[in-house]
PDB file of N, CA and C in Angstrom:
ATOM      1  N   ALA A   1     120.537 120.565 138.001  1.00  0.00           N
ATOM      2  CA  ALA A   1     121.561 121.563 137.793  1.00  0.00           C
ATOM      3  C   ALA A   1     122.438 121.234 136.589  1.00  0.00           C
ATOM      4  N   MET A   2     122.574 119.960 136.246  1.00  0.00           N
ATOM      5  CA  MET A   2     123.446 119.622 135.123  1.00  0.00           C
ATOM      6  C   MET A   2     122.905 120.119 133.783  1.00  0.00           C
ATOM      7  N   HIS A   3     121.626 120.432 133.708  1.00  0.00           N
ATOM      8  CA  HIS A   3     121.043 120.905 132.452  1.00  0.00           C
ATOM      9  C   HIS A   3     121.003 122.422 132.354  1.00  0.00           C
ATOM     10  N   ARG A   4     121.438 123.102 133.381  1.00  0.00           N
ATOM     11  CA  ARG A   4     121.456 124.559 133.342  1.00  0.00           C
ATOM     12  C   ARG A   4     122.627 125.042 132.495  1.00  0.00           C
ATOM     13  N   PRO A   5     122.379 126.064 131.670  1.00  0.00           N
ATOM     14  CA  PRO A   5     123.491 126.594 130.872  1.00  0.00           C
ATOM     15  C   PRO A   5     124.500 127.321 131.736  1.00  0.00           C
ATOM     16  N   ASN A   6     125.717 127.357 131.274  1.00  0.00           N
ATOM     17  CA  ASN A   6     126.768 128.106 131.933  1.00  0.00           C
ATOM     18  C   ASN A   6     126.518 129.587 131.660  1.00  0.00           C
ATOM     19  N   ILE A   7     126.234 130.367 132.697  1.00  0.00           N
ATOM     20  CA  ILE A   7     125.851 131.768 132.538  1.00  0.00           C
ATOM     21  C   ILE A   7     126.952 132.575 131.857  1.00  0.00           C
ATOM     22  N   LYS A   8     128.213 132.309 132.155  1.00  0.00           N
ATOM     23  CA  LYS A   8     129.314 133.019 131.505  1.00  0.00           C
ATOM     24  C   LYS A   8     129.258 132.806 129.998  1.00  0.00           C
ATOM     25  N   ASP A   9     129.085 131.566 129.579  1.00  0.00           N
ATOM     26  CA  ASP A   9     129.012 131.257 128.158  1.00  0.00           C
ATOM     27  C   ASP A   9     127.779 131.882 127.517  1.00  0.00           C
ATOM     28  N   CYS A  10     126.665 131.932 128.240  1.00  0.00           N
ATOM     29  CA  CYS A  10     125.436 132.546 127.715  1.00  0.00           C
ATOM     30  C   CYS A  10     125.685 134.002 127.348  1.00  0.00           C
ATOM     31  N   GLY A  11     126.353 134.727 128.223  1.00  0.00           N
ATOM     32  CA  GLY A  11     126.612 136.139 127.978  1.00  0.00           C
ATOM     33  C   GLY A  11     127.466 136.364 126.752  1.00  0.00           C
ATOM     34  N   GLU A  12     128.428 135.497 126.522  1.00  0.00           N
ATOM     35  CA  GLU A  12     129.309 135.636 125.362  1.00  0.00           C
ATOM     36  C   GLU A  12     128.563 135.390 124.059  1.00  0.00           C
ATOM     37  N   VAL A  13     127.514 134.600 124.116  1.00  0.00           N
ATOM     38  CA  VAL A  13     126.780 134.201 122.923  1.00  0.00           C
ATOM     39  C   VAL A  13     125.561 135.097 122.673  1.00  0.00           C
ATOM     40  N   ALA A  14     125.035 135.733 123.709  1.00  0.00           N
ATOM     41  CA  ALA A  14     123.773 136.472 123.612  1.00  0.00           C
ATOM     42  C   ALA A  14     123.766 137.542 122.524  1.00  0.00           C
ATOM     43  N   LYS A  15     124.809 138.331 122.429  1.00  0.00           N
ATOM     44  CA  LYS A  15     124.858 139.391 121.413  1.00  0.00           C
ATOM     45  C   LYS A  15     124.816 138.809 120.009  1.00  0.00           C
ATOM     46  N   GLU A  16     125.522 137.727 119.805  1.00  0.00           N
ATOM     47  CA  GLU A  16     125.521 137.081 118.482  1.00  0.00           C
ATOM     48  C   GLU A  16     124.134 136.532 118.155  1.00  0.00           C
ATOM     49  N   ILE A  17     123.480 135.929 119.135  1.00  0.00           N
ATOM     50  CA  ILE A  17     122.141 135.384 118.906  1.00  0.00           C
ATOM     51  C   ILE A  17     121.191 136.489 118.469  1.00  0.00           C
ATOM     52  N   VAL A  18     121.201 137.606 119.182  1.00  0.00           N
ATOM     53  CA  VAL A  18     120.300 138.715 118.863  1.00  0.00           C
ATOM     54  C   VAL A  18     120.597 139.267 117.475  1.00  0.00           C
ATOM     55  N   GLU A  19     121.865 139.519 117.182  1.00  0.00           N
ATOM     56  CA  GLU A  19     122.230 140.098 115.891  1.00  0.00           C
ATOM     57  C   GLU A  19     121.884 139.178 114.729  1.00  0.00           C
ATOM     58  N   ILE A  20     122.276 137.922 114.824  1.00  0.00           N
ATOM     59  CA  ILE A  20     122.034 136.984 113.733  1.00  0.00           C
ATOM     60  C   ILE A  20     120.542 136.697 113.587  1.00  0.00           C
ATOM     61  N   SER A  21     119.828 136.612 114.693  1.00  0.00           N
ATOM     62  CA  SER A  21     118.383 136.380 114.634  1.00  0.00           C
ATOM     63  C   SER A  21     117.676 137.509 113.899  1.00  0.00           C
ATOM     64  N   ARG A  22     118.096 138.733 114.160  1.00  0.00           N
ATOM     65  CA  ARG A  22     117.513 139.879 113.451  1.00  0.00           C
ATOM     66  C   ARG A  22     117.804 139.800 111.956  1.00  0.00           C
ATOM     67  N   LEU A  23     119.042 139.469 111.611  1.00  0.00           N
ATOM     68  CA  LEU A  23     119.417 139.365 110.195  1.00  0.00           C
ATOM     69  C   LEU A  23     118.617 138.287 109.467  1.00  0.00           C
ATOM     70  N   LYS A  24     118.356 137.191 110.158  1.00  0.00           N
ATOM     71  CA  LYS A  24     117.681 136.048 109.538  1.00  0.00           C
ATOM     72  C   LYS A  24     116.181 136.015 109.821  1.00  0.00           C
ATOM     73  N   ASN A  25     115.690 137.017 110.556  1.00  0.00           N
ATOM     74  CA  ASN A  25     114.266 137.113 110.894  1.00  0.00           C
ATOM     75  C   ASN A  25     113.767 135.867 111.633  1.00  0.00           C
ATOM     76  N   VAL A  26     114.519 135.496 112.671  1.00  0.00           N
ATOM     77  CA  VAL A  26     114.191 134.343 113.508  1.00  0.00           C
ATOM     78  C   VAL A  26     114.100 134.823 114.951  1.00  0.00           C
ATOM     79  N   ASP A  27     113.191 134.276 115.707  1.00  0.00           N
ATOM     80  CA  ASP A  27     113.025 134.655 117.111  1.00  0.00           C
ATOM     81  C   ASP A  27     114.303 134.303 117.890  1.00  0.00           C
ATOM     82  N   PRO A  28     114.961 135.291 118.494  1.00  0.00           N
ATOM     83  CA  PRO A  28     116.194 135.003 119.236  1.00  0.00           C
ATOM     84  C   PRO A  28     115.969 134.074 120.433  1.00  0.00           C
ATOM     85  N   LEU A  29     114.781 134.093 120.987  1.00  0.00           N
ATOM     86  CA  LEU A  29     114.504 133.177 122.102  1.00  0.00           C
ATOM     87  C   LEU A  29     114.457 131.728 121.631  1.00  0.00           C
ATOM     88  N   LEU A  30     113.984 131.504 120.418  1.00  0.00           N
ATOM     89  CA  LEU A  30     113.988 130.156 119.853  1.00  0.00           C
ATOM     90  C   LEU A  30     115.430 129.684 119.654  1.00  0.00           C
ATOM     91  N   VAL A  31     116.259 130.554 119.102  1.00  0.00           N
ATOM     92  CA  VAL A  31     117.672 130.208 118.886  1.00  0.00           C
ATOM     93  C   VAL A  31     118.352 129.909 120.225  1.00  0.00           C
ATOM     94  N   ALA A  32     118.107 130.752 121.214  1.00  0.00           N
ATOM     95  CA  ALA A  32     118.708 130.539 122.537  1.00  0.00           C
ATOM     96  C   ALA A  32     118.230 129.232 123.157  1.00  0.00           C
ATOM     97  N   ALA A  33     116.958 128.919 122.984  1.00  0.00           N
ATOM     98  CA  ALA A  33     116.420 127.669 123.532  1.00  0.00           C
ATOM     99  C   ALA A  33     117.071 126.462 122.857  1.00  0.00           C
ATOM    100  N   MET A  34     117.245 126.538 121.542  1.00  0.00           N
ATOM    101  CA  MET A  34     117.885 125.436 120.825  1.00  0.00           C
ATOM    102  C   MET A  34     119.329 125.244 121.291  1.00  0.00           C
ATOM    103  N   ILE A  35     120.044 126.350 121.435  1.00  0.00           N
ATOM    104  CA  ILE A  35     121.435 126.274 121.886  1.00  0.00           C
ATOM    105  C   ILE A  35     121.506 125.711 123.303  1.00  0.00           C
ATOM    106  N   SER A  36     120.591 126.123 124.152  1.00  0.00           N
ATOM    107  CA  SER A  36     120.568 125.634 125.529  1.00  0.00           C
ATOM    108  C   SER A  36     120.395 124.116 125.563  1.00  0.00           C
ATOM    109  N   VAL A  37     119.474 123.620 124.759  1.00  0.00           N
ATOM    110  CA  VAL A  37     119.209 122.181 124.723  1.00  0.00           C
ATOM    111  C   VAL A  37     120.361 121.424 124.069  1.00  0.00           C
ATOM    112  N   GLU A  38     120.859 121.953 122.961  1.00  0.00           N
ATOM    113  CA  GLU A  38     121.865 121.227 122.181  1.00  0.00           C
ATOM    114  C   GLU A  38     123.251 121.214 122.830  1.00  0.00           C
ATOM    115  N   SER A  39     123.682 122.349 123.409  1.00  0.00           N
ATOM    116  CA  SER A  39     125.071 122.423 123.872  1.00  0.00           C
ATOM    117  C   SER A  39     125.262 123.089 125.226  1.00  0.00           C
ATOM    118  N   ARG A  40     124.159 123.541 125.833  1.00  0.00           N
ATOM    119  CA  ARG A  40     124.250 124.278 127.094  1.00  0.00           C
ATOM    120  C   ARG A  40     125.184 125.487 126.970  1.00  0.00           C
ATOM    121  N   PHE A  41     125.189 126.094 125.783  1.00  0.00           N
ATOM    122  CA  PHE A  41     125.963 127.298 125.491  1.00  0.00           C
ATOM    123  C   PHE A  41     127.475 127.070 125.511  1.00  0.00           C
ATOM    124  N   HIS A  42     127.897 125.854 125.280  1.00  0.00           N
ATOM    125  CA  HIS A  42     129.327 125.551 125.200  1.00  0.00           C
ATOM    126  C   HIS A  42     129.706 125.465 123.726  1.00  0.00           C
ATOM    127  N   ALA A  43     130.453 126.450 123.237  1.00  0.00           N
ATOM    128  CA  ALA A  43     130.804 126.526 121.819  1.00  0.00           C
ATOM    129  C   ALA A  43     131.644 125.335 121.364  1.00  0.00           C
ATOM    130  N   SER A  44     132.351 124.706 122.276  1.00  0.00           N
ATOM    131  CA  SER A  44     133.213 123.583 121.900  1.00  0.00           C
ATOM    132  C   SER A  44     132.548 122.223 122.139  1.00  0.00           C
ATOM    133  N   ALA A  45     131.233 122.221 122.346  1.00  0.00           N
ATOM    134  CA  ALA A  45     130.520 120.965 122.605  1.00  0.00           C
ATOM    135  C   ALA A  45     130.659 120.001 121.425  1.00  0.00           C
ATOM    136  N   LYS A  46     130.823 118.728 121.739  1.00  0.00           N
ATOM    137  CA  LYS A  46     130.895 117.663 120.737  1.00  0.00           C
ATOM    138  C   LYS A  46     129.970 116.539 121.188  1.00  0.00           C
ATOM    139  N   SER A  47     129.221 115.989 120.255  1.00  0.00           N
ATOM    140  CA  SER A  47     128.338 114.875 120.596  1.00  0.00           C
ATOM    141  C   SER A  47     129.002 113.551 120.239  1.00  0.00           C
ATOM    142  N   GLU A  48     128.446 112.474 120.757  1.00  0.00           N
ATOM    143  CA  GLU A  48     128.954 111.144 120.424  1.00  0.00           C
ATOM    144  C   GLU A  48     128.742 110.826 118.949  1.00  0.00           C
ATOM    145  N   LYS A  49     127.770 111.475 118.322  1.00  0.00           N
ATOM    146  CA  LYS A  49     127.451 111.236 116.908  1.00  0.00           C
ATOM    147  C   LYS A  49     128.274 112.110 115.959  1.00  0.00           C
ATOM    148  N   GLY A  50     129.098 113.018 116.509  1.00  0.00           N
ATOM    149  CA  GLY A  50     129.960 113.844 115.678  1.00  0.00           C
ATOM    150  C   GLY A  50     129.499 115.278 115.487  1.00  0.00           C
ATOM    151  N   ALA A  51     128.352 115.642 116.044  1.00  0.00           N
ATOM    152  CA  ALA A  51     127.874 117.020 115.940  1.00  0.00           C
ATOM    153  C   ALA A  51     128.748 117.914 116.807  1.00  0.00           C
ATOM    154  N   SER A  52     128.876 119.189 116.391  1.00  0.00           N
ATOM    155  CA  SER A  52     129.735 120.071 117.165  1.00  0.00           C
ATOM    156  C   SER A  52     129.205 121.493 117.201  1.00  0.00           C
ATOM    157  N   GLY A  53     129.676 122.214 118.210  1.00  0.00           N
ATOM    158  CA  GLY A  53     129.340 123.622 118.359  1.00  0.00           C
ATOM    159  C   GLY A  53     128.039 123.871 119.091  1.00  0.00           C
ATOM    160  N   LEU A  54     127.688 125.130 119.166  1.00  0.00           N
ATOM    161  CA  LEU A  54     126.497 125.563 119.894  1.00  0.00           C
ATOM    162  C   LEU A  54     125.227 124.878 119.412  1.00  0.00           C
ATOM    163  N   MET A  55     125.039 124.841 118.097  1.00  0.00           N
ATOM    164  CA  MET A  55     123.819 124.304 117.506  1.00  0.00           C
ATOM    165  C   MET A  55     123.943 122.816 117.168  1.00  0.00           C
ATOM    166  N   GLN A  56     125.084 122.213 117.523  1.00  0.00           N
ATOM    167  CA  GLN A  56     125.348 120.798 117.278  1.00  0.00           C
ATOM    168  C   GLN A  56     125.159 120.434 115.807  1.00  0.00           C
ATOM    169  N   ILE A  57     125.983 121.027 114.974  1.00  0.00           N
ATOM    170  CA  ILE A  57     125.927 120.818 113.538  1.00  0.00           C
ATOM    171  C   ILE A  57     126.722 119.564 113.170  1.00  0.00           C
ATOM    172  N   MET A  58     126.101 118.713 112.377  1.00  0.00           N
ATOM    173  CA  MET A  58     126.751 117.488 111.917  1.00  0.00           C
ATOM    174  C   MET A  58     127.786 117.829 110.848  1.00  0.00           C
ATOM    175  N   PRO A  59     128.839 117.009 110.711  1.00  0.00           N
ATOM    176  CA  PRO A  59     129.901 117.287 109.739  1.00  0.00           C
ATOM    177  C   PRO A  59     129.395 117.483 108.303  1.00  0.00           C
ATOM    178  N   ALA A  60     128.466 116.670 107.855  1.00  0.00           N
ATOM    179  CA  ALA A  60     127.957 116.808 106.478  1.00  0.00           C
ATOM    180  C   ALA A  60     127.224 118.135 106.303  1.00  0.00           C
ATOM    181  N   THR A  61     126.489 118.554 107.311  1.00  0.00           N
ATOM    182  CA  THR A  61     125.789 119.830 107.256  1.00  0.00           C
ATOM    183  C   THR A  61     126.792 120.979 107.249  1.00  0.00           C
ATOM    184  N   ALA A  62     127.824 120.875 108.072  1.00  0.00           N
ATOM    185  CA  ALA A  62     128.863 121.911 108.116  1.00  0.00           C
ATOM    186  C   ALA A  62     129.541 122.030 106.751  1.00  0.00           C
ATOM    187  N   LYS A  63     129.815 120.902 106.116  1.00  0.00           N
ATOM    188  CA  LYS A  63     130.437 120.913 104.794  1.00  0.00           C
ATOM    189  C   LYS A  63     129.524 121.608 103.786  1.00  0.00           C
ATOM    190  N   HIS A  64     128.256 121.267 103.807  1.00  0.00           N
ATOM    191  CA  HIS A  64     127.279 121.882 102.893  1.00  0.00           C
ATOM    192  C   HIS A  64     127.218 123.399 103.104  1.00  0.00           C
ATOM    193  N   ILE A  65     127.194 123.825 104.352  1.00  0.00           N
ATOM    194  CA  ILE A  65     127.139 125.254 104.667  1.00  0.00           C
ATOM    195  C   ILE A  65     128.403 125.948 104.156  1.00  0.00           C
ATOM    196  N   ARG A  66     129.574 125.359 104.425  1.00  0.00           N
ATOM    197  CA  ARG A  66     130.838 125.945 103.953  1.00  0.00           C
ATOM    198  C   ARG A  66     130.843 126.102 102.440  1.00  0.00           C
ATOM    199  N   GLU A  67     130.426 125.059 101.739  1.00  0.00           N
ATOM    200  CA  GLU A  67     130.459 125.080 100.276  1.00  0.00           C
ATOM    201  C   GLU A  67     129.479 126.094  99.685  1.00  0.00           C
ATOM    202  N   ASN A  68     128.327 126.270 100.315  1.00  0.00           N
ATOM    203  CA  ASN A  68     127.290 127.143  99.770  1.00  0.00           C
ATOM    204  C   ASN A  68     127.340 128.571 100.280  1.00  0.00           C
ATOM    205  N   HIS A  69     128.211 128.836 101.244  1.00  0.00           N
ATOM    206  CA  HIS A  69     128.312 130.190 101.800  1.00  0.00           C
ATOM    207  C   HIS A  69     129.739 130.702 101.800  1.00  0.00           C
ATOM    208  N   ASN A  70     130.599 130.043 101.010  1.00  0.00           N
ATOM    209  CA  ASN A  70     131.988 130.489 100.827  1.00  0.00           C
ATOM    210  C   ASN A  70     132.713 130.697 102.164  1.00  0.00           C
ATOM    211  N   ILE A  71     132.668 129.687 103.001  1.00  0.00           N
ATOM    212  CA  ILE A  71     133.350 129.712 104.295  1.00  0.00           C
ATOM    213  C   ILE A  71     134.493 128.714 104.235  1.00  0.00           C
ATOM    214  N   SER A  72     135.665 129.113 104.670  1.00  0.00           N
ATOM    215  CA  SER A  72     136.829 128.229 104.593  1.00  0.00           C
ATOM    216  C   SER A  72     136.690 127.046 105.541  1.00  0.00           C
ATOM    217  N   ALA A  73     137.327 125.955 105.182  1.00  0.00           N
ATOM    218  CA  ALA A  73     137.287 124.746 105.998  1.00  0.00           C
ATOM    219  C   ALA A  73     137.951 124.956 107.344  1.00  0.00           C
ATOM    220  N   SER A  74     138.850 125.927 107.426  1.00  0.00           N
ATOM    221  CA  SER A  74     139.530 126.188 108.698  1.00  0.00           C
ATOM    222  C   SER A  74     138.593 126.843 109.716  1.00  0.00           C
ATOM    223  N   SER A  75     137.462 127.359 109.246  1.00  0.00           N
ATOM    224  CA  SER A  75     136.463 127.933 110.156  1.00  0.00           C
ATOM    225  C   SER A  75     135.638 126.791 110.700  1.00  0.00           C
ATOM    226  N   GLY A  76     136.002 126.323 111.864  1.00  0.00           N
ATOM    227  CA  GLY A  76     135.352 125.171 112.443  1.00  0.00           C
ATOM    228  C   GLY A  76     133.944 125.441 112.931  1.00  0.00           C
ATOM    229  N   ALA A  77     133.229 124.364 113.187  1.00  0.00           N
ATOM    230  CA  ALA A  77     131.854 124.464 113.670  1.00  0.00           C
ATOM    231  C   ALA A  77     131.793 125.068 115.065  1.00  0.00           C
ATOM    232  N   THR A  78     132.928 125.187 115.725  1.00  0.00           N
ATOM    233  CA  THR A  78     132.927 125.777 117.065  1.00  0.00           C
ATOM    234  C   THR A  78     133.013 127.292 117.034  1.00  0.00           C
ATOM    235  N   ASP A  79     133.160 127.885 115.857  1.00  0.00           N
ATOM    236  CA  ASP A  79     133.131 129.351 115.737  1.00  0.00           C
ATOM    237  C   ASP A  79     131.701 129.797 116.057  1.00  0.00           C
ATOM    238  N   ILE A  80     131.534 130.581 117.109  1.00  0.00           N
ATOM    239  CA  ILE A  80     130.203 130.944 117.601  1.00  0.00           C
ATOM    240  C   ILE A  80     129.333 131.542 116.511  1.00  0.00           C
ATOM    241  N   ARG A  81     129.801 132.559 115.854  1.00  0.00           N
ATOM    242  CA  ARG A  81     128.989 133.263 114.857  1.00  0.00           C
ATOM    243  C   ARG A  81     128.621 132.348 113.674  1.00  0.00           C
ATOM    244  N   LYS A  82     129.579 131.609 113.187  1.00  0.00           N
ATOM    245  CA  LYS A  82     129.321 130.742 112.046  1.00  0.00           C
ATOM    246  C   LYS A  82     128.417 129.591 112.427  1.00  0.00           C
ATOM    247  N   ASN A  83     128.532 129.089 113.628  1.00  0.00           N
ATOM    248  CA  ASN A  83     127.699 127.977 114.056  1.00  0.00           C
ATOM    249  C   ASN A  83     126.237 128.407 114.187  1.00  0.00           C
ATOM    250  N   ILE A  84     126.009 129.587 114.702  1.00  0.00           N
ATOM    251  CA  ILE A  84     124.629 130.084 114.826  1.00  0.00           C
ATOM    252  C   ILE A  84     124.075 130.330 113.444  1.00  0.00           C
TER     253      ILE A  84
END
């Protein structure tokens, strides 16, 4: 039971997964599976290694994404849409 995603959190994320997956031409089930494994659908998840958010993005990767996609530093990795 500890590995089951929180159903409430899943519902909040599902629409974003579908929309972003369509935009990026990625299977939404693959994205959902990755999120389930990485964070159990908890947007505020943090790992011992410093990864954060749904997709467990490392700080260096988050910095690279911010710099190359014109995203402000105040937009943290826990922002659901930006993290996906």
